[in-house]
């Protein structure tokens, strides 16, 4: 075995160990949401792909494995399967982060995998068809020679199509998003695939250089660190901004001279939320909070002219900061319309209702706490009126 092959194997194994440390950290964590687990599965698939790339290079470059054509085809198929799995798992992870409902059922995910099934079928039969690789015994140098087949490029096209598709979609969606954390997440979805994909091109040219494995580790590290930092500013249940991020945003907005004083805070407090937890359980209560978060996102997403910041203030209270009185009225009307629509179509034995308070920032309020106090007082006045009317 040459020194370069030994270095390639050791470097790749070291990268596999590092990747599995990330997997262990994710699995041992308390956050078991689908997106996080998809990320873990993606890392596992990448690790398996790296392991089989080691075997592939050994079979291709080491004389001791000469003439082992069946073993070469088995390793190639396993490598192909792991790479395809990593590709589609990243796509589903990106879709999950973007809260896309396009592939949220098993049937749709199976349809998504049709190109992958085709590639695996070709890889499985490539020993006979020679479409992906062609293995010949080279007696001069005493090892098997692996040549590219005519359809090998198709394998890379399909493998690259999923992450590139997710990148393009994330970039398009980032244009419509104003929330800093959501925008950062979309940028992450767009940038991460570029690292291993770009490295994969060089790896294909320099087969015995450990390029791709290090690129995978770098990509996973960036994603992992970004996800961890996101927990500092994001509410873990609703994935909205949390109270700490709300406070920071409010301080920045108050100091922003471009606002010109026209800055509105809208406070939503759910009505009769405690009975939902008491009667139907906290799991159902969590579902209700998540639905409210989705309604607030939908209400703000429809705006094309104003920047709207959404946060979970705590418990069953949510805050939106916007920049115009007309937008304030539009958001309140849209939120109540979507809540009514949800109550009519959900089939739930309870209703999602909300009292609303709002306040325009004035200099005499001093800081965020003073601003919030005015909105809170108006919200309680609205709640009392709704109780008298038999609504809240």
Protein backbone atom coordinates (compact mmCIF):
# COMPACT_ATOMS: atom_id res chain seq x y z
CA UNK A 1 0.00 0.00 0.00
CA UNK A 2 1.42 3.38 -0.99
CA UNK A 3 1.88 6.22 1.49
CA UNK A 4 -0.81 8.33 -0.23
CA UNK A 5 -3.39 5.51 0.02
CA UNK A 6 -2.57 5.00 3.70
CA UNK A 7 -2.94 8.72 4.35
CA UNK A 8 -6.25 8.75 2.47
CA UNK A 9 -7.59 5.87 4.58
CA UNK A 10 -6.47 7.34 7.91
CA UNK A 11 -7.81 10.82 7.09
CA UNK A 12 -11.19 9.42 6.07
CA UNK A 13 -11.44 7.26 9.18
CA UNK A 14 -10.64 10.28 11.35
CA UNK A 15 -13.45 12.21 9.62
CA UNK A 16 -15.86 9.31 10.22
CA UNK A 17 -15.04 9.39 13.94
CA UNK A 18 -15.69 13.15 14.06
CA UNK A 19 -19.01 12.76 12.21
CA UNK A 20 -20.19 10.05 14.60
CA UNK A 21 -19.40 12.33 17.53
CA UNK A 22 -21.91 14.78 16.04
CA UNK A 23 -24.45 11.96 15.65
CA UNK A 24 -24.03 10.90 19.28
CA UNK A 25 -24.48 14.49 20.46
CA UNK A 26 -27.71 14.84 18.45
CA UNK A 27 -29.18 11.47 19.49
CA UNK A 28 -28.37 12.00 23.17
CA UNK A 29 -29.97 15.45 23.13
CA UNK A 30 -33.50 16.08 24.33
CA UNK A 31 -34.61 17.59 21.01
CA UNK A 32 -36.06 14.68 18.98
CA UNK A 33 -37.85 16.73 16.33
CA UNK A 34 -37.99 15.28 12.83
CA UNK A 35 -35.66 17.89 11.33
CA UNK A 36 -32.95 17.18 13.90
CA UNK A 37 -33.21 13.42 13.43
CA UNK A 38 -33.09 13.80 9.64
CA UNK A 39 -29.85 15.73 10.10
CA UNK A 40 -28.46 12.86 12.21
CA UNK A 41 -29.46 10.30 9.58
CA UNK A 42 -27.82 12.46 6.91
CA UNK A 43 -24.55 12.44 8.87
CA UNK A 44 -24.76 8.63 9.26
CA UNK A 45 -25.28 8.22 5.51
CA UNK A 46 -22.32 10.51 4.80
CA UNK A 47 -20.16 8.49 7.22
CA UNK A 48 -21.09 5.22 5.54
CA UNK A 49 -20.31 6.77 2.17
CA UNK A 50 -16.86 7.82 3.41
CA UNK A 51 -16.17 4.30 4.73
CA UNK A 52 -17.05 2.70 1.39
CA UNK A 53 -14.99 5.32 -0.46
CA UNK A 54 -11.99 4.02 1.52
CA UNK A 55 -12.72 0.45 0.36
CA UNK A 56 -13.26 1.67 -3.18
CA UNK A 57 -9.85 3.40 -3.35
CA UNK A 58 -8.16 0.38 -1.77
CA UNK A 59 -9.72 -1.94 -4.34
CA UNK A 60 -8.78 0.42 -7.15
CA UNK A 61 -5.21 1.22 -6.13
CA UNK A 62 -3.89 -1.70 -4.04
CA UNK A 63 -2.37 -4.81 -5.72
CA UNK A 64 -3.44 -7.15 -2.91
CA UNK A 65 -7.07 -6.69 -4.00
CA UNK A 66 -6.34 -7.41 -7.66
CA UNK A 67 -8.96 -9.28 -9.70
CA UNK A 68 -11.71 -8.95 -7.04
CA UNK A 69 -14.30 -7.72 -9.50
CA UNK A 70 -17.42 -8.94 -7.57
CA UNK A 71 -16.19 -7.22 -4.39
CA UNK A 72 -15.55 -3.99 -6.32
CA UNK A 73 -19.13 -3.96 -7.61
CA UNK A 74 -20.54 -4.64 -4.12
CA UNK A 75 -18.53 -1.76 -2.64
CA UNK A 76 -19.57 0.52 -5.49
CA UNK A 77 -23.25 -0.28 -4.96
CA UNK A 78 -23.00 0.33 -1.19
CA UNK A 79 -21.20 3.62 -1.81
CA UNK A 80 -23.87 4.68 -4.31
CA UNK A 81 -26.68 3.77 -1.90
CA UNK A 82 -25.13 5.77 0.97
CA UNK A 83 -24.51 8.83 -1.21
CA UNK A 84 -28.06 8.74 -2.56
CA UNK A 85 -29.40 8.37 0.99
CA UNK A 86 -27.34 11.34 2.21
CA UNK A 87 -28.54 13.44 -0.72
CA UNK A 88 -32.24 12.80 -0.22
CA UNK A 89 -32.00 13.02 3.59
CA UNK A 90 -30.48 16.49 3.30
CA UNK A 91 -33.29 17.49 0.94
CA UNK A 92 -35.91 16.29 3.46
CA UNK A 93 -34.03 18.03 6.29
CA UNK A 94 -34.08 21.28 4.33
CA UNK A 95 -37.79 20.84 3.57
CA UNK A 96 -38.46 20.22 7.26
CA UNK A 97 -36.59 23.36 8.32
CA UNK A 98 -38.57 25.37 5.79
CA UNK A 99 -41.79 23.79 7.09
CA UNK A 100 -42.73 22.65 3.61
CA UNK A 101 -45.72 20.32 3.38
CA UNK A 102 -44.79 19.11 -0.10
CA UNK A 103 -43.16 15.88 1.12
CA UNK A 104 -44.81 15.35 4.51
CA UNK A 105 -46.47 12.01 3.64
CA UNK A 106 -44.94 8.59 2.95
CA UNK A 107 -46.51 8.44 -0.50
CA UNK A 108 -44.96 11.75 -1.57
CA UNK A 109 -41.59 10.77 -0.16
CA UNK A 110 -41.68 7.52 -2.10
CA UNK A 111 -42.42 9.47 -5.28
CA UNK A 112 -39.49 11.72 -4.45
CA UNK A 113 -37.23 8.65 -4.28
CA UNK A 114 -38.11 7.29 -7.75
CA UNK A 115 -34.91 8.69 -9.39
CA UNK A 116 -32.88 7.18 -6.53
CA UNK A 117 -34.48 3.76 -7.02
CA UNK A 118 -33.59 3.95 -10.71
CA UNK A 119 -29.95 4.80 -9.95
CA UNK A 120 -29.71 1.95 -7.43
CA UNK A 121 -31.17 -0.49 -9.98
CA UNK A 122 -28.55 0.54 -12.54
CA UNK A 123 -25.78 0.34 -9.92
CA UNK A 124 -26.92 -3.14 -8.93
CA UNK A 125 -26.68 -4.39 -12.51
CA UNK A 126 -23.60 -2.44 -13.58
CA UNK A 127 -21.41 -5.57 -13.34
CA UNK A 128 -23.27 -6.84 -16.39
CA UNK A 129 -24.25 -3.61 -18.16
CA UNK A 130 -21.01 -1.64 -17.47
CA UNK A 131 -23.15 1.51 -17.43
CA UNK A 132 -21.60 3.04 -14.30
CA UNK A 133 -18.21 1.36 -14.00
CA UNK A 134 -16.22 -1.18 -15.98
CA UNK A 135 -13.72 -3.35 -14.09
CA UNK A 136 -10.87 -5.00 -15.99
CA UNK A 137 -7.86 -6.95 -14.75
CA UNK A 138 -4.59 -5.15 -15.44
CA UNK A 139 -1.93 -7.86 -15.29
CA UNK A 140 0.89 -5.40 -15.96
CA UNK A 141 0.49 -3.51 -12.67
CA UNK A 142 -1.20 -6.39 -10.83
CA UNK A 143 -4.46 -4.71 -9.83
CA UNK A 144 -7.97 -4.30 -11.15
CA UNK A 145 -8.52 -1.23 -13.31
CA UNK A 146 -11.80 0.64 -12.78
CA UNK A 147 -13.02 2.75 -15.68
CA UNK A 148 -15.99 5.11 -15.80
CA UNK A 149 -19.06 3.86 -17.64
CA UNK A 150 -21.08 5.94 -20.11
CA UNK A 151 -23.88 6.68 -17.61
CA UNK A 152 -21.77 7.42 -14.52
CA UNK A 153 -22.46 11.13 -14.93
CA UNK A 154 -26.17 10.34 -14.44
CA UNK A 155 -25.41 9.08 -10.93
CA UNK A 156 -23.83 12.39 -9.99
CA UNK A 157 -26.60 14.41 -11.64
CA UNK A 158 -29.26 12.68 -9.52
CA UNK A 159 -27.14 12.85 -6.35
CA UNK A 160 -26.53 16.57 -6.88
CA UNK A 161 -30.10 17.39 -7.95
CA UNK A 162 -31.64 17.02 -4.47
CA UNK A 163 -29.26 19.31 -2.50
CA UNK A 164 -29.06 21.82 -5.35
CA UNK A 165 -32.87 21.87 -5.50
CA UNK A 166 -33.04 22.52 -1.76
CA UNK A 167 -30.46 25.31 -2.09
CA UNK A 168 -32.36 27.09 -4.85
CA UNK A 169 -35.65 26.80 -2.98
CA UNK A 170 -34.08 28.15 0.23
CA UNK A 171 -32.58 31.13 -1.62
CA UNK A 172 -35.93 31.95 -3.24
CA UNK A 173 -37.74 31.74 0.11
CA UNK A 174 -35.10 33.86 1.85
CA UNK A 175 -36.09 36.84 -0.31
CA UNK A 176 -39.57 36.86 1.25
CA UNK A 177 -38.42 36.36 4.84
CA UNK A 178 -37.62 39.29 7.13
CA UNK A 179 -37.10 37.43 10.40
CA UNK A 180 -33.29 37.36 10.96
CA UNK A 181 -33.29 33.83 12.40
CA UNK A 182 -35.48 32.42 9.63
CA UNK A 183 -33.33 34.14 7.02
CA UNK A 184 -30.17 32.72 8.60
CA UNK A 185 -31.69 29.24 8.55
CA UNK A 186 -32.57 29.58 4.86
CA UNK A 187 -29.06 30.80 4.04
CA UNK A 188 -27.73 27.76 5.88
CA UNK A 189 -29.93 25.43 3.80
CA UNK A 190 -28.66 27.15 0.67
CA UNK A 191 -24.94 27.21 1.49
CA UNK A 192 -24.33 23.87 3.24
CA UNK A 193 -24.69 21.62 0.14
CA UNK A 194 -22.22 23.75 -1.81
CA UNK A 195 -19.34 22.62 0.45
CA UNK A 196 -19.52 18.81 -0.02
CA UNK A 197 -20.77 19.11 -3.61
CA UNK A 198 -17.89 21.36 -4.63
CA UNK A 199 -15.42 19.10 -2.86
CA UNK A 200 -16.97 16.06 -4.57
CA UNK A 201 -15.93 17.41 -7.97
CA UNK A 202 -12.29 17.68 -6.88
CA UNK A 203 -12.49 14.29 -5.15
CA UNK A 204 -13.56 12.71 -8.43
CA UNK A 205 -10.45 14.18 -10.10
CA UNK A 206 -8.01 13.40 -7.26
CA UNK A 207 -9.29 10.01 -6.11
CA UNK A 208 -6.60 9.30 -3.51
CA UNK A 209 -6.73 12.72 -1.80
CA UNK A 210 -8.94 13.11 1.34
CA UNK A 211 -10.91 16.10 0.07
CA UNK A 212 -14.57 15.13 0.28
CA UNK A 213 -14.41 13.70 3.80
CA UNK A 214 -13.01 16.95 5.26
CA UNK A 215 -15.60 18.98 3.33
CA UNK A 216 -18.37 16.86 4.88
CA UNK A 217 -17.02 17.49 8.36
CA UNK A 218 -16.77 21.24 7.72
CA UNK A 219 -20.33 21.35 6.36
CA UNK A 220 -21.73 19.36 9.28
CA UNK A 221 -19.79 21.49 11.78
CA UNK A 222 -21.18 24.73 10.33
CA UNK A 223 -24.73 23.35 10.36
CA UNK A 224 -24.40 21.93 13.88
CA UNK A 225 -22.95 25.14 15.35
CA UNK A 226 -25.59 27.24 13.61
CA UNK A 227 -28.35 25.00 14.95
CA UNK A 228 -26.94 25.24 18.48
CA UNK A 229 -26.68 29.03 18.31
CA UNK A 230 -30.23 29.15 16.96
CA UNK A 231 -31.45 27.58 20.20
CA UNK A 232 -30.29 30.69 22.06
CA UNK A 233 -32.67 32.91 20.15
CA UNK A 234 -35.43 30.49 19.09
CA UNK A 235 -38.36 29.10 21.01
CA UNK A 236 -37.89 25.28 20.85
CA UNK A 237 -41.60 24.49 20.52
CA UNK A 238 -42.86 26.99 17.96
CA UNK A 239 -39.50 27.89 16.35
CA UNK A 240 -40.43 31.54 16.62
CA UNK A 241 -38.06 34.06 18.17
CA UNK A 242 -37.95 33.73 21.94
CA UNK A 243 -38.33 36.41 24.60
CA UNK A 244 -34.62 37.19 24.71
CA UNK A 245 -34.47 37.77 20.94
CA UNK A 246 -37.66 39.86 21.15
CA UNK A 247 -36.07 42.11 23.74
CA UNK A 248 -32.93 42.53 21.62
CA UNK A 249 -34.93 43.27 18.48
CA UNK A 250 -37.13 45.80 20.29
CA UNK A 251 -34.09 47.65 21.62
CA UNK A 252 -32.53 47.77 18.15
CA UNK A 253 -35.79 48.92 16.58
CA UNK A 254 -36.31 51.68 19.14
CA UNK A 255 -32.82 52.99 18.42
CA UNK A 256 -33.32 52.78 14.66
CA UNK A 257 -33.70 56.35 13.41
CA UNK A 258 -35.28 55.19 10.14
CA UNK A 259 -38.41 54.05 11.99
CA UNK A 260 -39.35 57.69 12.71
CA UNK A 261 -41.43 56.67 15.70
CA UNK A 262 -43.92 54.64 13.65
CA UNK A 263 -43.36 51.33 15.38
CA UNK A 264 -46.20 49.10 16.61
CA UNK A 265 -46.24 46.21 19.05
CA UNK A 266 -49.13 43.72 18.86
CA UNK A 267 -49.68 41.35 21.78
CA UNK A 268 -51.77 38.19 21.36
CA UNK A 269 -52.90 36.31 24.47
CA UNK A 270 -54.81 33.05 23.91
CA UNK A 271 -58.24 32.78 25.51
CA UNK A 272 -59.23 29.67 27.48
CA UNK A 273 -55.87 28.04 26.87
CA UNK A 274 -55.51 26.54 30.37
CA UNK A 275 -58.59 24.30 29.90
CA UNK A 276 -57.00 22.87 26.73
CA UNK A 277 -54.01 21.69 28.79
CA UNK A 278 -56.17 20.54 31.71
CA UNK A 279 -58.80 18.67 29.70
CA UNK A 280 -56.97 17.44 26.61
CA UNK A 281 -53.40 17.27 27.91
CA UNK A 282 -50.20 19.24 27.38
CA UNK A 283 -49.44 17.49 24.09
CA UNK A 284 -52.65 18.91 22.64
CA UNK A 285 -51.84 22.25 24.23
CA UNK A 286 -48.46 22.23 22.47
CA UNK A 287 -50.18 21.48 19.15
CA UNK A 288 -52.44 24.48 19.70
CA UNK A 289 -49.44 26.75 20.34
CA UNK A 290 -47.70 25.46 17.22
CA UNK A 291 -50.85 26.12 15.18
CA UNK A 292 -51.01 29.69 16.54
CA UNK A 293 -47.37 30.20 15.53
CA UNK A 294 -48.20 28.97 12.02
CA UNK A 295 -51.15 31.38 11.85
CA UNK A 296 -48.94 34.32 12.88
CA UNK A 297 -46.35 33.36 10.25
CA UNK A 298 -49.03 33.13 7.56
CA UNK A 299 -50.45 36.51 8.58
CA UNK A 300 -47.08 38.22 8.34
CA UNK A 301 -45.92 36.36 5.23
CA UNK A 302 -48.72 37.89 3.19
CA UNK A 303 -47.19 41.34 3.74
CA UNK A 304 -45.07 42.64 0.88
CA UNK A 305 -44.41 46.17 2.16
CA UNK A 306 -43.54 45.92 5.85
CA UNK A 307 -41.05 44.10 8.01
CA UNK A 308 -42.77 42.06 10.69
CA UNK A 309 -41.02 40.42 13.64
CA UNK A 310 -42.76 37.51 15.41
CA UNK A 311 -41.88 36.08 18.83
CA UNK A 312 -43.29 33.89 21.55
CA UNK A 313 -43.26 36.12 24.60
CA UNK A 314 -43.96 33.27 27.00
CA UNK A 315 -46.64 30.68 27.75
CA UNK A 316 -49.59 31.47 25.51
CA UNK A 317 -48.53 35.04 24.68
CA UNK A 318 -47.15 36.07 21.29
CA UNK A 319 -45.82 39.38 20.01
CA UNK A 320 -45.55 40.92 16.56
CA UNK A 321 -43.63 44.14 15.94
CA UNK A 322 -44.51 45.97 12.74
CA UNK A 323 -43.95 49.39 11.21
CA UNK A 324 -47.32 50.88 10.23
CA UNK A 325 -50.79 51.32 11.70
CA UNK A 326 -52.42 49.95 8.55
CA UNK A 327 -50.23 46.86 8.77
CA UNK A 328 -51.15 46.48 12.45
CA UNK A 329 -54.84 46.42 11.57
CA UNK A 330 -54.29 44.05 8.66
CA UNK A 331 -52.35 41.57 10.82
CA UNK A 332 -54.97 41.55 13.59
CA UNK A 333 -57.79 41.00 11.10
CA UNK A 334 -55.84 38.29 9.27
CA UNK A 335 -54.93 36.45 12.48
CA UNK A 336 -58.54 36.37 13.66
CA UNK A 337 -59.74 35.30 10.21
CA UNK A 338 -57.25 32.40 10.12
CA UNK A 339 -58.18 31.40 13.68
CA UNK A 340 -61.86 31.30 12.72
CA UNK A 341 -60.98 29.26 9.66
CA UNK A 342 -58.93 26.83 11.76
CA UNK A 343 -61.74 26.43 14.28
CA UNK A 344 -64.22 25.61 11.51
CA UNK A 345 -62.05 23.07 9.69
CA UNK A 346 -59.83 21.43 12.33
CA UNK A 347 -62.48 19.24 13.95
CA UNK A 348 -60.90 19.89 17.35
CA UNK A 349 -63.15 19.86 20.43
CA UNK A 350 -61.81 23.27 21.42
CA UNK A 351 -61.38 26.64 19.75
CA UNK A 352 -58.27 28.77 19.29
CA UNK A 353 -59.17 32.28 20.40
CA UNK A 354 -57.08 35.31 21.26
CA UNK A 355 -57.38 38.67 22.95
CA UNK A 356 -55.28 41.43 21.39
CA UNK A 357 -53.49 44.47 22.70
CA UNK A 358 -51.32 46.90 20.81
CA UNK A 359 -49.31 50.06 21.31
CA UNK A 360 -47.35 52.51 19.21
CA UNK A 361 -43.93 53.27 20.62
CA UNK A 362 -43.65 56.75 22.12
CA UNK A 363 -40.55 58.34 23.62
CA UNK A 364 -42.18 58.71 27.05
CA UNK A 365 -42.46 54.89 27.31
CA UNK A 366 -38.71 54.81 27.82
CA UNK A 367 -37.83 51.24 26.97
CA UNK A 368 -39.30 47.96 25.79
CA UNK A 369 -40.81 47.19 29.20
CA UNK A 370 -42.77 50.44 29.18
CA UNK A 371 -43.90 49.81 25.61
CA UNK A 372 -44.98 46.28 26.47
CA UNK A 373 -46.90 47.50 29.53
CA UNK A 374 -49.17 49.72 27.41
CA UNK A 375 -49.91 46.87 24.97
CA UNK A 376 -50.53 44.52 27.91
CA UNK A 377 -53.06 46.89 29.49
CA UNK A 378 -54.93 47.20 26.20
CA UNK A 379 -54.89 43.43 25.80
CA UNK A 380 -56.49 42.90 29.24
CA UNK A 381 -59.13 45.49 28.39
CA UNK A 382 -59.89 43.55 25.20
CA UNK A 383 -60.05 40.29 27.17
CA UNK A 384 -62.56 41.77 29.63
CA UNK A 385 -64.75 42.95 26.77
CA UNK A 386 -64.59 39.50 25.17
CA UNK A 387 -65.50 37.86 28.51
CA UNK A 388 -68.53 40.09 28.84
CA UNK A 389 -69.54 39.10 25.33
CA UNK A 390 -69.09 35.42 26.22
CA UNK A 391 -66.19 34.92 23.80
CA UNK A 392 -63.08 34.77 26.01
